[in-house]
C-alpha atoms as a PDB file:
ATOM      1  CA  UNK A   1     -71.063   5.763   9.683  1.00  0.00           C
ATOM      2  CA  UNK A   2     -67.781   4.384   8.370  1.00  0.00           C
ATOM      3  CA  UNK A   3     -64.990   3.819  10.892  1.00  0.00           C
ATOM      4  CA  UNK A   4     -62.782   6.275   8.987  1.00  0.00           C
ATOM      5  CA  UNK A   5     -65.272   9.074   9.702  1.00  0.00           C
ATOM      6  CA  UNK A   6     -65.000   8.453  13.443  1.00  0.00           C
ATOM      7  CA  UNK A   7     -61.204   8.285  13.241  1.00  0.00           C
ATOM      8  CA  UNK A   8     -61.110  11.642  11.466  1.00  0.00           C
ATOM      9  CA  UNK A   9     -63.602  13.179  13.876  1.00  0.00           C
ATOM     10  CA  UNK A  10     -61.514  12.094  16.864  1.00  0.00           C
ATOM     11  CA  UNK A  11     -58.401  13.557  15.226  1.00  0.00           C
ATOM     12  CA  UNK A  12     -60.122  16.859  14.347  1.00  0.00           C
ATOM     13  CA  UNK A  13     -61.521  17.182  17.871  1.00  0.00           C
ATOM     14  CA  UNK A  14     -57.977  17.389  19.237  1.00  0.00           C
ATOM     15  CA  UNK A  15     -57.082  20.435  17.128  1.00  0.00           C
ATOM     16  CA  UNK A  16     -57.221  23.882  18.734  1.00  0.00           C
ATOM     17  CA  UNK A  17     -60.368  25.783  17.901  1.00  0.00           C
ATOM     18  CA  UNK A  18     -62.322  22.647  16.959  1.00  0.00           C
ATOM     19  CA  UNK A  19     -66.060  23.244  16.599  1.00  0.00           C
ATOM     20  CA  UNK A  20     -68.987  21.013  15.726  1.00  0.00           C
ATOM     21  CA  UNK A  21     -72.565  22.110  15.090  1.00  0.00           C
ATOM     22  CA  UNK A  22     -75.432  19.673  14.621  1.00  0.00           C
ATOM     23  CA  UNK A  23     -78.867  20.316  13.223  1.00  0.00           C
ATOM     24  CA  UNK A  24     -81.958  18.585  14.512  1.00  0.00           C
ATOM     25  CA  UNK A  25     -85.634  18.683  13.657  1.00  0.00           C
ATOM     26  CA  UNK A  26     -87.989  17.018  16.144  1.00  0.00           C
ATOM     27  CA  UNK A  27     -85.083  15.148  17.776  1.00  0.00           C
ATOM     28  CA  UNK A  28     -83.887  13.810  14.401  1.00  0.00           C
ATOM     29  CA  UNK A  29     -80.311  14.596  13.373  1.00  0.00           C
ATOM     30  CA  UNK A  30     -80.553  16.147   9.907  1.00  0.00           C
ATOM     31  CA  UNK A  31     -77.046  17.505   9.409  1.00  0.00           C
ATOM     32  CA  UNK A  32     -73.802  18.748  10.861  1.00  0.00           C
ATOM     33  CA  UNK A  33     -70.790  20.905  10.138  1.00  0.00           C
ATOM     34  CA  UNK A  34     -67.359  21.006  11.711  1.00  0.00           C
ATOM     35  CA  UNK A  35     -63.952  22.567  11.462  1.00  0.00           C
ATOM     36  CA  UNK A  36     -60.857  23.672  13.325  1.00  0.00           C
ATOM     37  CA  UNK A  37     -58.288  26.460  13.434  1.00  0.00           C
ATOM     38  CA  UNK A  38     -55.297  25.865  11.181  1.00  0.00           C
ATOM     39  CA  UNK A  39     -52.179  25.468  13.329  1.00  0.00           C
ATOM     40  CA  UNK A  40     -48.968  27.435  13.016  1.00  0.00           C
ATOM     41  CA  UNK A  41     -47.143  26.398   9.837  1.00  0.00           C
ATOM     42  CA  UNK A  42     -50.079  24.263   8.749  1.00  0.00           C
ATOM     43  CA  UNK A  43     -49.629  22.059   5.702  1.00  0.00           C
ATOM     44  CA  UNK A  44     -53.214  22.895   4.637  1.00  0.00           C
ATOM     45  CA  UNK A  45     -52.001  24.910   1.638  1.00  0.00           C
ATOM     46  CA  UNK A  46     -49.632  22.195   0.327  1.00  0.00           C
ATOM     47  CA  UNK A  47     -50.531  21.595  -3.303  1.00  0.00           C
ATOM     48  CA  UNK A  48     -52.124  25.038  -3.726  1.00  0.00           C
ATOM     49  CA  UNK A  49     -52.556  26.266  -7.295  1.00  0.00           C
ATOM     50  CA  UNK A  50     -53.351  29.895  -7.757  1.00  0.00           C
ATOM     51  CA  UNK A  51     -52.026  33.392  -8.185  1.00  0.00           C
ATOM     52  CA  UNK A  52     -52.074  34.862  -4.681  1.00  0.00           C
ATOM     53  CA  UNK A  53     -49.577  36.634  -2.466  1.00  0.00           C
ATOM     54  CA  UNK A  54     -47.521  33.815  -0.856  1.00  0.00           C
ATOM     55  CA  UNK A  55     -48.078  35.471   2.542  1.00  0.00           C
ATOM     56  CA  UNK A  56     -51.755  34.473   2.271  1.00  0.00           C
ATOM     57  CA  UNK A  57     -50.662  30.832   2.480  1.00  0.00           C
ATOM     58  CA  UNK A  58     -48.760  31.239   5.757  1.00  0.00           C
ATOM     59  CA  UNK A  59     -50.582  30.189   8.913  1.00  0.00           C
ATOM     60  CA  UNK A  60     -49.716  31.511  12.365  1.00  0.00           C
ATOM     61  CA  UNK A  61     -52.112  29.391  14.434  1.00  0.00           C
ATOM     62  CA  UNK A  62     -54.688  32.201  14.766  1.00  0.00           C
ATOM     63  CA  UNK A  63     -55.450  33.303  11.211  1.00  0.00           C
ATOM     64  CA  UNK A  64     -57.679  30.719   9.543  1.00  0.00           C
ATOM     65  CA  UNK A  65     -60.578  28.473  10.482  1.00  0.00           C
ATOM     66  CA  UNK A  66     -60.962  25.445   8.177  1.00  0.00           C
ATOM     67  CA  UNK A  67     -64.485  24.180   7.553  1.00  0.00           C
ATOM     68  CA  UNK A  68     -63.844  20.507   6.918  1.00  0.00           C
ATOM     69  CA  UNK A  69     -67.373  19.149   6.602  1.00  0.00           C
ATOM     70  CA  UNK A  70     -70.907  20.394   6.022  1.00  0.00           C
ATOM     71  CA  UNK A  71     -73.600  17.823   5.407  1.00  0.00           C
ATOM     72  CA  UNK A  72     -77.398  17.813   5.387  1.00  0.00           C
ATOM     73  CA  UNK A  73     -79.307  14.573   4.813  1.00  0.00           C
ATOM     74  CA  UNK A  74     -80.954  14.410   1.364  1.00  0.00           C
ATOM     75  CA  UNK A  75     -84.547  14.589   2.669  1.00  0.00           C
ATOM     76  CA  UNK A  76     -83.699  17.893   4.406  1.00  0.00           C
ATOM     77  CA  UNK A  77     -81.694  19.572   1.664  1.00  0.00           C
ATOM     78  CA  UNK A  78     -82.759  22.753  -0.137  1.00  0.00           C
ATOM     79  CA  UNK A  79     -84.638  24.046   2.916  1.00  0.00           C
ATOM     80  CA  UNK A  80     -81.999  26.444   4.273  1.00  0.00           C
ATOM     81  CA  UNK A  81     -80.590  24.100   6.904  1.00  0.00           C
ATOM     82  CA  UNK A  82     -77.075  24.061   5.422  1.00  0.00           C
ATOM     83  CA  UNK A  83     -76.941  27.861   5.626  1.00  0.00           C
ATOM     84  CA  UNK A  84     -78.138  27.787   9.243  1.00  0.00           C
ATOM     85  CA  UNK A  85     -75.471  25.225  10.161  1.00  0.00           C
ATOM     86  CA  UNK A  86     -72.820  27.230   8.284  1.00  0.00           C
ATOM     87  CA  UNK A  87     -73.763  30.459  10.039  1.00  0.00           C
ATOM     88  CA  UNK A  88     -73.829  28.816  13.470  1.00  0.00           C
ATOM     89  CA  UNK A  89     -70.369  27.309  12.940  1.00  0.00           C
ATOM     90  CA  UNK A  90     -68.789  30.609  11.867  1.00  0.00           C
ATOM     91  CA  UNK A  91     -70.767  32.972  14.089  1.00  0.00           C
ATOM     92  CA  UNK A  92     -68.370  33.474  17.002  1.00  0.00           C
ATOM     93  CA  UNK A  93     -65.076  32.601  15.342  1.00  0.00           C
ATOM     94  CA  UNK A  94     -62.127  34.830  16.224  1.00  0.00           C
ATOM     95  CA  UNK A  95     -60.001  34.034  13.168  1.00  0.00           C
ATOM     96  CA  UNK A  96     -59.676  36.647  10.424  1.00  0.00           C
ATOM     97  CA  UNK A  97     -60.887  34.239   7.740  1.00  0.00           C
ATOM     98  CA  UNK A  98     -62.262  30.788   7.024  1.00  0.00           C
ATOM     99  CA  UNK A  99     -61.410  28.375   4.247  1.00  0.00           C
ATOM    100  CA  UNK A 100     -62.876  25.216   2.781  1.00  0.00           C
ATOM    101  CA  UNK A 101     -62.329  22.845  -0.101  1.00  0.00           C
ATOM    102  CA  UNK A 102     -65.055  21.661  -2.475  1.00  0.00           C
ATOM    103  CA  UNK A 103     -65.003  19.340  -5.454  1.00  0.00           C
ATOM    104  CA  UNK A 104     -65.354  21.387  -8.651  1.00  0.00           C
ATOM    105  CA  UNK A 105     -68.149  19.152  -9.956  1.00  0.00           C
ATOM    106  CA  UNK A 106     -70.306  19.790  -6.867  1.00  0.00           C
ATOM    107  CA  UNK A 107     -71.932  22.778  -8.529  1.00  0.00           C
ATOM    108  CA  UNK A 108     -74.870  23.101  -6.080  1.00  0.00           C
ATOM    109  CA  UNK A 109     -72.483  23.329  -3.093  1.00  0.00           C
ATOM    110  CA  UNK A 110     -70.169  25.764  -4.874  1.00  0.00           C
ATOM    111  CA  UNK A 111     -73.086  28.007  -5.857  1.00  0.00           C
ATOM    112  CA  UNK A 112     -74.373  27.921  -2.271  1.00  0.00           C
ATOM    113  CA  UNK A 113     -70.993  28.906  -0.836  1.00  0.00           C
ATOM    114  CA  UNK A 114     -70.569  31.720  -3.356  1.00  0.00           C
ATOM    115  CA  UNK A 115     -74.047  33.019  -2.475  1.00  0.00           C
ATOM    116  CA  UNK A 116     -72.957  32.967   1.212  1.00  0.00           C
ATOM    117  CA  UNK A 117     -70.092  35.396   0.457  1.00  0.00           C
ATOM    118  CA  UNK A 118     -67.322  32.838  -0.006  1.00  0.00           C
ATOM    119  CA  UNK A 119     -64.812  33.665  -2.731  1.00  0.00           C
ATOM    120  CA  UNK A 120     -62.832  31.430  -5.039  1.00  0.00           C
ATOM    121  CA  UNK A 121     -59.218  31.496  -3.904  1.00  0.00           C
ATOM    122  CA  UNK A 122     -57.530  28.966  -6.187  1.00  0.00           C
ATOM    123  CA  UNK A 123     -57.323  25.213  -6.426  1.00  0.00           C
ATOM    124  CA  UNK A 124     -55.706  22.745  -4.099  1.00  0.00           C
ATOM    125  CA  UNK A 125     -54.560  19.156  -4.425  1.00  0.00           C
ATOM    126  CA  UNK A 126     -53.565  18.248  -0.861  1.00  0.00           C
ATOM    127  CA  UNK A 127     -51.928  14.924  -1.785  1.00  0.00           C
ATOM    128  CA  UNK A 128     -50.685  13.434  -5.046  1.00  0.00           C
ATOM    129  CA  UNK A 129     -53.528  10.904  -5.151  1.00  0.00           C
ATOM    130  CA  UNK A 130     -56.208  13.384  -4.019  1.00  0.00           C
ATOM    131  CA  UNK A 131     -58.621  15.180  -6.330  1.00  0.00           C
ATOM    132  CA  UNK A 132     -58.052  18.822  -7.195  1.00  0.00           C
ATOM    133  CA  UNK A 133     -60.465  20.900  -5.091  1.00  0.00           C
ATOM    134  CA  UNK A 134     -61.739  24.431  -5.409  1.00  0.00           C
ATOM    135  CA  UNK A 135     -60.288  26.448  -2.538  1.00  0.00           C
ATOM    136  CA  UNK A 136     -62.652  29.048  -1.097  1.00  0.00           C
ATOM    137  CA  UNK A 137     -62.048  31.865   1.401  1.00  0.00           C
ATOM    138  CA  UNK A 138     -64.496  33.712   3.634  1.00  0.00           C
ATOM    139  CA  UNK A 139     -63.460  36.950   5.365  1.00  0.00           C
ATOM    140  CA  UNK A 140     -64.277  37.359   9.058  1.00  0.00           C
ATOM    141  CA  UNK A 141     -65.947  40.679   8.392  1.00  0.00           C
ATOM    142  CA  UNK A 142     -68.386  38.920   6.077  1.00  0.00           C
ATOM    143  CA  UNK A 143     -69.579  35.921   8.086  1.00  0.00           C
ATOM    144  CA  UNK A 144     -73.209  35.594   7.123  1.00  0.00           C
END
């Protein structure tokens, strides 16, 4: 894996509420998902584009869990493993909602998330040189 992945993983692991779930079949790692709780006054929503109540973009350190990665190796995709990883990551979360960002051209991932009760929230460009992502929200009362 690229060095930047490990740098990011080490940084994420220091955030409050960090969680990592791995998937294995016969001792082979086939996928993983991870995320963390957005801190008080998080900059996560910087670059948000959408028509929502501005209060929904304010973080208090307890409100939102950010799913930052979900990956299943190509040979194991389309077998339900991504959903199992997703559900395991969100199962015992105490936050009222979860959020994630997805590239708009990743139609299979977007359709999967929408079928798992995620809702389109708006778009987000976190940095000037970053792509514009679809921002999705998942309510705590609807975690599976």
